Amino acid sequence: MMKKQWLTAILCAISILSACKKKDDGGNPCGSYSGVVPPNTYIFWIDHDFSCGSITVEVKDASGKIVGPYQAVISYTSPTPPQCNNVNYGRFATFDLYMGKTYTYKATCSGKTWTGTITVPCEQSQCKNIQLQ
């Protein structure tokens, strides 16, 4: 009788476990790392003054929702791509974007507009530069 109860318990456990589904990671092709998808930092920068005033950058996700920036305005120029550090995050338009996702951006100043698409690769905690030209 004891063997029959064990067998029943094991079969019940197997059927319960087989009914479990993997947690949906929101369609992220990179998967989720234990439920956490770390962001990558993207810094928008310019190497010269376009003489058009402040450049404001807006980034939207695939659904059209505006991504909240760390800093949305480019307030400095740099002859080389800026390094990722807290000082530069305040000088250049800086966004945390999630790997495996696609975003669009629009940067504007008086009389000038830049647009583009960003597909964030499946790399964790990277810093990327996007130069507006």
N, C-alpha and C. Protein backbone atom coordinates (compact mmCIF):
# COMPACT_ATOMS: atom_id res chain seq x y z
N MET A 1 0.82 -1.19 0.00
CA MET A 1 0.00 0.00 0.00
C MET A 1 0.87 1.26 0.00
N MET A 2 1.97 1.22 0.76
CA MET A 2 2.87 2.37 0.85
C MET A 2 3.48 2.70 -0.51
N LYS A 3 3.84 1.66 -1.30
CA LYS A 3 4.41 1.88 -2.62
C LYS A 3 3.40 2.57 -3.53
N LYS A 4 2.14 2.19 -3.42
CA LYS A 4 1.10 2.78 -4.25
C LYS A 4 0.93 4.26 -3.93
N GLN A 5 1.01 4.64 -2.65
CA GLN A 5 0.89 6.04 -2.26
C GLN A 5 2.09 6.85 -2.78
N TRP A 6 3.27 6.27 -2.69
CA TRP A 6 4.46 6.96 -3.20
C TRP A 6 4.36 7.15 -4.71
N LEU A 7 3.92 6.11 -5.39
CA LEU A 7 3.78 6.18 -6.84
C LEU A 7 2.76 7.25 -7.22
N THR A 8 1.65 7.31 -6.51
CA THR A 8 0.63 8.33 -6.76
C THR A 8 1.19 9.72 -6.51
N ALA A 9 1.94 9.88 -5.43
CA ALA A 9 2.53 11.19 -5.10
C ALA A 9 3.52 11.62 -6.17
N ILE A 10 4.33 10.69 -6.64
CA ILE A 10 5.31 11.01 -7.67
C ILE A 10 4.62 11.39 -8.98
N LEU A 11 3.60 10.64 -9.37
CA LEU A 11 2.86 10.97 -10.59
C LEU A 11 2.18 12.33 -10.49
N CYS A 12 1.63 12.64 -9.33
CA CYS A 12 1.01 13.96 -9.12
C CYS A 12 2.06 15.07 -9.24
N ALA A 13 3.21 14.86 -8.64
CA ALA A 13 4.28 15.87 -8.69
C ALA A 13 4.74 16.08 -10.13
N ILE A 14 4.88 15.01 -10.88
CA ILE A 14 5.31 15.13 -12.28
C ILE A 14 4.28 15.90 -13.09
N SER A 15 3.00 15.60 -12.89
CA SER A 15 1.98 16.30 -13.67
C SER A 15 1.91 17.78 -13.29
N ILE A 16 2.12 18.10 -12.02
CA ILE A 16 2.12 19.50 -11.59
C ILE A 16 3.31 20.23 -12.20
N LEU A 17 4.49 19.62 -12.14
CA LEU A 17 5.69 20.26 -12.68
C LEU A 17 5.62 20.41 -14.20
N SER A 18 5.03 19.44 -14.87
CA SER A 18 4.95 19.54 -16.33
C SER A 18 3.96 20.62 -16.76
N ALA A 19 3.06 21.00 -15.88
CA ALA A 19 2.10 22.06 -16.20
C ALA A 19 2.70 23.44 -16.00
N CYS A 20 3.85 23.52 -15.34
CA CYS A 20 4.48 24.82 -15.10
C CYS A 20 5.00 25.39 -16.42
N LYS A 21 4.84 26.67 -16.56
CA LYS A 21 5.35 27.36 -17.74
C LYS A 21 6.50 28.25 -17.34
N LYS A 22 7.43 28.43 -18.26
CA LYS A 22 8.52 29.36 -18.02
C LYS A 22 7.94 30.77 -17.96
N LYS A 23 8.43 31.57 -17.04
CA LYS A 23 7.98 32.95 -16.91
C LYS A 23 8.25 33.71 -18.20
N ASP A 24 7.27 34.47 -18.65
CA ASP A 24 7.41 35.26 -19.86
C ASP A 24 8.39 36.40 -19.60
N ASP A 25 9.38 36.55 -20.46
CA ASP A 25 10.36 37.62 -20.29
C ASP A 25 10.04 38.81 -21.17
N GLY A 26 8.77 38.92 -21.60
CA GLY A 26 8.36 40.08 -22.39
C GLY A 26 8.82 40.01 -23.84
N GLY A 27 9.15 38.82 -24.31
CA GLY A 27 9.57 38.70 -25.69
C GLY A 27 11.02 39.11 -25.92
N ASN A 28 11.80 39.21 -24.87
CA ASN A 28 13.19 39.62 -25.01
C ASN A 28 13.99 38.45 -25.60
N PRO A 29 14.58 38.62 -26.79
CA PRO A 29 15.34 37.53 -27.40
C PRO A 29 16.59 37.16 -26.62
N CYS A 30 17.01 38.02 -25.72
CA CYS A 30 18.20 37.74 -24.91
C CYS A 30 17.85 36.90 -23.69
N GLY A 31 16.57 36.74 -23.40
CA GLY A 31 16.15 36.06 -22.19
C GLY A 31 16.29 36.99 -21.01
N SER A 32 15.97 36.46 -19.87
CA SER A 32 16.12 37.27 -18.66
C SER A 32 17.07 36.54 -17.73
N TYR A 33 17.89 37.26 -17.08
CA TYR A 33 18.87 36.68 -16.17
C TYR A 33 18.25 36.62 -14.79
N SER A 34 17.60 35.49 -14.49
CA SER A 34 16.91 35.30 -13.21
C SER A 34 15.86 36.38 -12.99
N GLY A 35 15.20 36.77 -14.07
CA GLY A 35 14.14 37.77 -13.97
C GLY A 35 14.63 39.20 -14.06
N VAL A 36 15.94 39.40 -14.10
CA VAL A 36 16.50 40.75 -14.16
C VAL A 36 17.16 40.95 -15.51
N VAL A 37 16.79 42.01 -16.19
CA VAL A 37 17.43 42.34 -17.47
C VAL A 37 18.18 43.64 -17.25
N PRO A 38 19.52 43.57 -17.10
CA PRO A 38 20.29 44.79 -16.83
C PRO A 38 20.34 45.71 -18.04
N PRO A 39 20.32 47.02 -17.81
CA PRO A 39 20.35 47.96 -18.92
C PRO A 39 21.76 48.19 -19.45
N ASN A 40 21.80 48.72 -20.65
CA ASN A 40 23.03 49.23 -21.24
C ASN A 40 22.89 50.74 -21.33
N THR A 41 23.96 51.47 -21.12
CA THR A 41 23.92 52.92 -21.15
C THR A 41 24.29 53.41 -22.55
N TYR A 42 23.48 54.31 -23.07
CA TYR A 42 23.74 54.92 -24.37
C TYR A 42 23.94 56.41 -24.18
N ILE A 43 25.07 56.92 -24.70
CA ILE A 43 25.40 58.34 -24.59
C ILE A 43 25.37 58.95 -25.99
N PHE A 44 24.52 59.95 -26.17
CA PHE A 44 24.45 60.71 -27.42
C PHE A 44 25.39 61.89 -27.29
N TRP A 45 26.23 62.11 -28.30
CA TRP A 45 27.23 63.17 -28.21
C TRP A 45 27.46 63.82 -29.58
N ILE A 46 28.12 64.96 -29.55
CA ILE A 46 28.51 65.69 -30.76
C ILE A 46 29.98 66.06 -30.65
N ASP A 47 30.65 66.16 -31.80
CA ASP A 47 32.07 66.51 -31.77
C ASP A 47 32.32 67.98 -32.12
N HIS A 48 31.26 68.71 -32.48
CA HIS A 48 31.41 70.15 -32.74
C HIS A 48 30.06 70.83 -32.51
N ASP A 49 30.12 72.12 -32.38
CA ASP A 49 28.91 72.92 -32.14
C ASP A 49 28.18 73.12 -33.47
N PHE A 50 26.93 72.73 -33.53
CA PHE A 50 26.13 72.89 -34.74
C PHE A 50 25.48 74.27 -34.83
N SER A 51 25.73 75.12 -33.84
CA SER A 51 25.20 76.49 -33.80
C SER A 51 23.67 76.52 -33.96
N CYS A 52 23.02 75.60 -33.25
CA CYS A 52 21.56 75.53 -33.34
C CYS A 52 20.92 75.50 -31.95
N GLY A 53 21.69 75.84 -30.94
CA GLY A 53 21.16 75.84 -29.57
C GLY A 53 21.28 74.47 -28.93
N SER A 54 20.55 74.29 -27.84
CA SER A 54 20.58 73.02 -27.11
C SER A 54 20.01 71.89 -27.97
N ILE A 55 20.66 70.75 -27.89
CA ILE A 55 20.17 69.56 -28.59
C ILE A 55 19.48 68.68 -27.56
N THR A 56 18.19 68.43 -27.80
CA THR A 56 17.40 67.58 -26.91
C THR A 56 17.16 66.25 -27.60
N VAL A 57 17.36 65.16 -26.86
CA VAL A 57 17.19 63.82 -27.41
C VAL A 57 15.99 63.16 -26.75
N GLU A 58 15.16 62.53 -27.58
CA GLU A 58 14.02 61.76 -27.08
C GLU A 58 14.15 60.34 -27.61
N VAL A 59 14.00 59.36 -26.73
CA VAL A 59 14.08 57.95 -27.12
C VAL A 59 12.74 57.30 -26.79
N LYS A 60 12.24 56.47 -27.73
CA LYS A 60 10.98 55.76 -27.52
C LYS A 60 11.21 54.27 -27.69
N ASP A 61 10.45 53.48 -26.91
CA ASP A 61 10.53 52.03 -27.06
C ASP A 61 9.64 51.59 -28.23
N ALA A 62 9.57 50.29 -28.47
CA ALA A 62 8.83 49.77 -29.62
C ALA A 62 7.35 50.11 -29.58
N SER A 63 6.79 50.32 -28.39
CA SER A 63 5.37 50.67 -28.28
C SER A 63 5.13 52.17 -28.39
N GLY A 64 6.21 52.95 -28.54
CA GLY A 64 6.07 54.40 -28.66
C GLY A 64 6.15 55.15 -27.35
N LYS A 65 6.40 54.43 -26.26
CA LYS A 65 6.50 55.07 -24.95
C LYS A 65 7.87 55.76 -24.82
N ILE A 66 7.86 56.99 -24.33
CA ILE A 66 9.10 57.74 -24.15
C ILE A 66 9.90 57.14 -22.99
N VAL A 67 11.17 56.90 -23.24
CA VAL A 67 12.07 56.35 -22.22
C VAL A 67 12.61 57.51 -21.39
N GLY A 68 12.50 57.39 -20.09
CA GLY A 68 13.01 58.44 -19.20
C GLY A 68 14.52 58.49 -19.24
N PRO A 69 15.08 59.65 -19.53
CA PRO A 69 16.54 59.76 -19.62
C PRO A 69 17.17 60.05 -18.27
N TYR A 70 18.46 59.76 -18.19
CA TYR A 70 19.26 60.26 -17.08
C TYR A 70 19.47 61.75 -17.32
N GLN A 71 19.74 62.08 -18.56
CA GLN A 71 19.94 63.46 -19.02
C GLN A 71 19.50 63.49 -20.48
N ALA A 72 18.63 64.43 -20.87
CA ALA A 72 18.09 64.45 -22.23
C ALA A 72 18.73 65.50 -23.13
N VAL A 73 19.61 66.33 -22.59
CA VAL A 73 20.18 67.43 -23.36
C VAL A 73 21.69 67.25 -23.51
N ILE A 74 22.18 67.48 -24.73
CA ILE A 74 23.62 67.48 -24.96
C ILE A 74 24.12 68.89 -24.69
N SER A 75 24.94 69.03 -23.67
CA SER A 75 25.39 70.37 -23.28
C SER A 75 26.89 70.60 -23.50
N TYR A 76 27.59 69.60 -24.02
CA TYR A 76 29.03 69.71 -24.28
C TYR A 76 29.35 69.11 -25.63
N THR A 77 30.50 69.48 -26.18
CA THR A 77 31.05 68.81 -27.35
C THR A 77 32.29 68.05 -26.89
N SER A 78 32.66 67.05 -27.67
CA SER A 78 33.84 66.27 -27.34
C SER A 78 34.51 65.84 -28.64
N PRO A 79 35.84 65.97 -28.74
CA PRO A 79 36.52 65.55 -29.97
C PRO A 79 36.57 64.03 -30.12
N THR A 80 36.35 63.31 -29.03
CA THR A 80 36.36 61.85 -29.04
C THR A 80 35.12 61.34 -28.30
N PRO A 81 34.74 60.08 -28.53
CA PRO A 81 33.58 59.55 -27.81
C PRO A 81 33.78 59.66 -26.29
N PRO A 82 32.77 60.18 -25.59
CA PRO A 82 32.92 60.34 -24.14
C PRO A 82 32.94 59.00 -23.41
N GLN A 83 33.72 58.96 -22.34
CA GLN A 83 33.77 57.77 -21.51
C GLN A 83 32.50 57.68 -20.68
N CYS A 84 32.18 56.47 -20.29
CA CYS A 84 31.01 56.27 -19.43
C CYS A 84 31.42 56.51 -17.98
N ASN A 85 30.99 57.64 -17.46
CA ASN A 85 31.20 57.94 -16.05
C ASN A 85 30.17 58.99 -15.63
N ASN A 86 30.02 59.15 -14.35
CA ASN A 86 28.99 60.05 -13.83
C ASN A 86 29.14 61.49 -14.31
N VAL A 87 30.38 61.95 -14.51
CA VAL A 87 30.60 63.31 -14.99
C VAL A 87 29.99 63.47 -16.38
N ASN A 88 30.28 62.54 -17.28
CA ASN A 88 29.78 62.64 -18.65
C ASN A 88 28.28 62.39 -18.75
N TYR A 89 27.71 61.62 -17.83
CA TYR A 89 26.27 61.38 -17.86
C TYR A 89 25.51 62.70 -17.72
N GLY A 90 26.07 63.68 -17.07
CA GLY A 90 25.43 64.97 -16.92
C GLY A 90 25.73 65.94 -18.05
N ARG A 91 26.66 65.61 -18.92
CA ARG A 91 27.06 66.50 -20.02
C ARG A 91 26.43 66.12 -21.36
N PHE A 92 26.11 64.87 -21.49
CA PHE A 92 25.59 64.36 -22.76
C PHE A 92 24.25 63.68 -22.51
N ALA A 93 23.43 63.58 -23.56
CA ALA A 93 22.14 62.90 -23.42
C ALA A 93 22.42 61.42 -23.14
N THR A 94 21.89 60.93 -22.04
CA THR A 94 22.23 59.60 -21.56
C THR A 94 20.97 58.82 -21.22
N PHE A 95 20.90 57.59 -21.72
CA PHE A 95 19.72 56.74 -21.50
C PHE A 95 20.16 55.34 -21.12
N ASP A 96 19.39 54.69 -20.26
CA ASP A 96 19.57 53.27 -19.97
C ASP A 96 18.58 52.50 -20.83
N LEU A 97 19.10 51.68 -21.74
CA LEU A 97 18.26 50.91 -22.66
C LEU A 97 18.50 49.42 -22.43
N TYR A 98 17.46 48.62 -22.61
CA TYR A 98 17.53 47.21 -22.25
C TYR A 98 17.88 46.33 -23.43
N MET A 99 18.77 45.37 -23.16
CA MET A 99 19.27 44.49 -24.20
C MET A 99 18.14 43.69 -24.84
N GLY A 100 18.31 43.48 -26.14
CA GLY A 100 17.32 42.74 -26.90
C GLY A 100 16.13 43.56 -27.34
N LYS A 101 16.10 44.82 -26.98
CA LYS A 101 14.97 45.69 -27.33
C LYS A 101 15.39 46.65 -28.45
N THR A 102 14.40 47.17 -29.15
CA THR A 102 14.64 48.14 -30.22
C THR A 102 14.00 49.46 -29.84
N TYR A 103 14.71 50.53 -30.08
CA TYR A 103 14.26 51.87 -29.74
C TYR A 103 14.45 52.79 -30.95
N THR A 104 13.70 53.87 -30.96
CA THR A 104 13.92 54.93 -31.95
C THR A 104 14.32 56.18 -31.20
N TYR A 105 15.11 57.02 -31.84
CA TYR A 105 15.48 58.29 -31.21
C TYR A 105 15.28 59.44 -32.17
N LYS A 106 15.06 60.59 -31.57
CA LYS A 106 14.94 61.84 -32.33
C LYS A 106 15.65 62.91 -31.53
N ALA A 107 16.64 63.53 -32.14
CA ALA A 107 17.38 64.62 -31.50
C ALA A 107 17.08 65.89 -32.29
N THR A 108 16.81 66.97 -31.58
CA THR A 108 16.44 68.21 -32.26
C THR A 108 17.11 69.42 -31.62
N CYS A 109 17.38 70.39 -32.46
CA CYS A 109 17.77 71.73 -32.04
C CYS A 109 17.18 72.66 -33.10
N SER A 110 17.36 73.93 -32.96
CA SER A 110 16.73 74.89 -33.87
C SER A 110 17.16 74.64 -35.32
N GLY A 111 16.22 74.13 -36.13
CA GLY A 111 16.48 73.92 -37.55
C GLY A 111 17.19 72.64 -37.92
N LYS A 112 17.46 71.76 -36.97
CA LYS A 112 18.18 70.52 -37.28
C LYS A 112 17.54 69.36 -36.52
N THR A 113 17.46 68.19 -37.19
CA THR A 113 16.88 66.99 -36.58
C THR A 113 17.69 65.77 -36.98
N TRP A 114 17.91 64.89 -36.03
CA TRP A 114 18.55 63.60 -36.27
C TRP A 114 17.56 62.53 -35.82
N THR A 115 17.46 61.44 -36.58
CA THR A 115 16.61 60.32 -36.17
C THR A 115 17.36 59.02 -36.42
N GLY A 116 16.94 57.99 -35.73
CA GLY A 116 17.58 56.70 -35.94
C GLY A 116 16.93 55.62 -35.11
N THR A 117 17.42 54.42 -35.31
CA THR A 117 16.94 53.24 -34.59
C THR A 117 18.11 52.60 -33.86
N ILE A 118 17.84 52.14 -32.65
CA ILE A 118 18.86 51.46 -31.85
C ILE A 118 18.33 50.07 -31.53
N THR A 119 19.08 49.04 -31.88
CA THR A 119 18.78 47.69 -31.44
C THR A 119 19.87 47.32 -30.45
N VAL A 120 19.49 47.15 -29.21
CA VAL A 120 20.46 46.91 -28.15
C VAL A 120 20.88 45.44 -28.19
N PRO A 121 22.19 45.16 -28.34
CA PRO A 121 22.64 43.77 -28.41
C PRO A 121 22.49 43.05 -27.07
N CYS A 122 22.61 41.74 -27.12
CA CYS A 122 22.48 40.91 -25.92
C CYS A 122 23.78 40.90 -25.13
N GLU A 123 24.14 42.04 -24.62
CA GLU A 123 25.33 42.21 -23.79
C GLU A 123 24.88 42.91 -22.52
N GLN A 124 25.40 42.50 -21.40
CA GLN A 124 25.01 43.11 -20.13
C GLN A 124 25.89 44.30 -19.77
N SER A 125 25.25 45.32 -19.24
CA SER A 125 25.93 46.46 -18.62
C SER A 125 27.02 47.08 -19.51
N GLN A 126 26.70 47.29 -20.77
CA GLN A 126 27.64 47.92 -21.70
C GLN A 126 27.36 49.42 -21.78
N CYS A 127 28.32 50.16 -22.29
CA CYS A 127 28.14 51.58 -22.54
C CYS A 127 28.45 51.83 -24.01
N LYS A 128 27.52 52.45 -24.71
CA LYS A 128 27.67 52.70 -26.14
C LYS A 128 27.54 54.19 -26.41
N ASN A 129 28.21 54.65 -27.44
CA ASN A 129 28.16 56.05 -27.85
C ASN A 129 27.45 56.17 -29.19
N ILE A 130 26.60 57.18 -29.31
CA ILE A 130 25.96 57.48 -30.58
C ILE A 130 26.29 58.93 -30.91
N GLN A 131 27.11 59.11 -31.96
CA GLN A 131 27.50 60.45 -32.37
C GLN A 131 26.48 61.01 -33.35
N LEU A 132 25.98 62.20 -33.06
CA LEU A 132 25.09 62.90 -33.98
C LEU A 132 25.97 63.68 -34.94
N GLN A 133 25.78 63.47 -36.25
CA GLN A 133 26.62 64.12 -37.25
C GLN A 133 25.79 64.94 -38.22
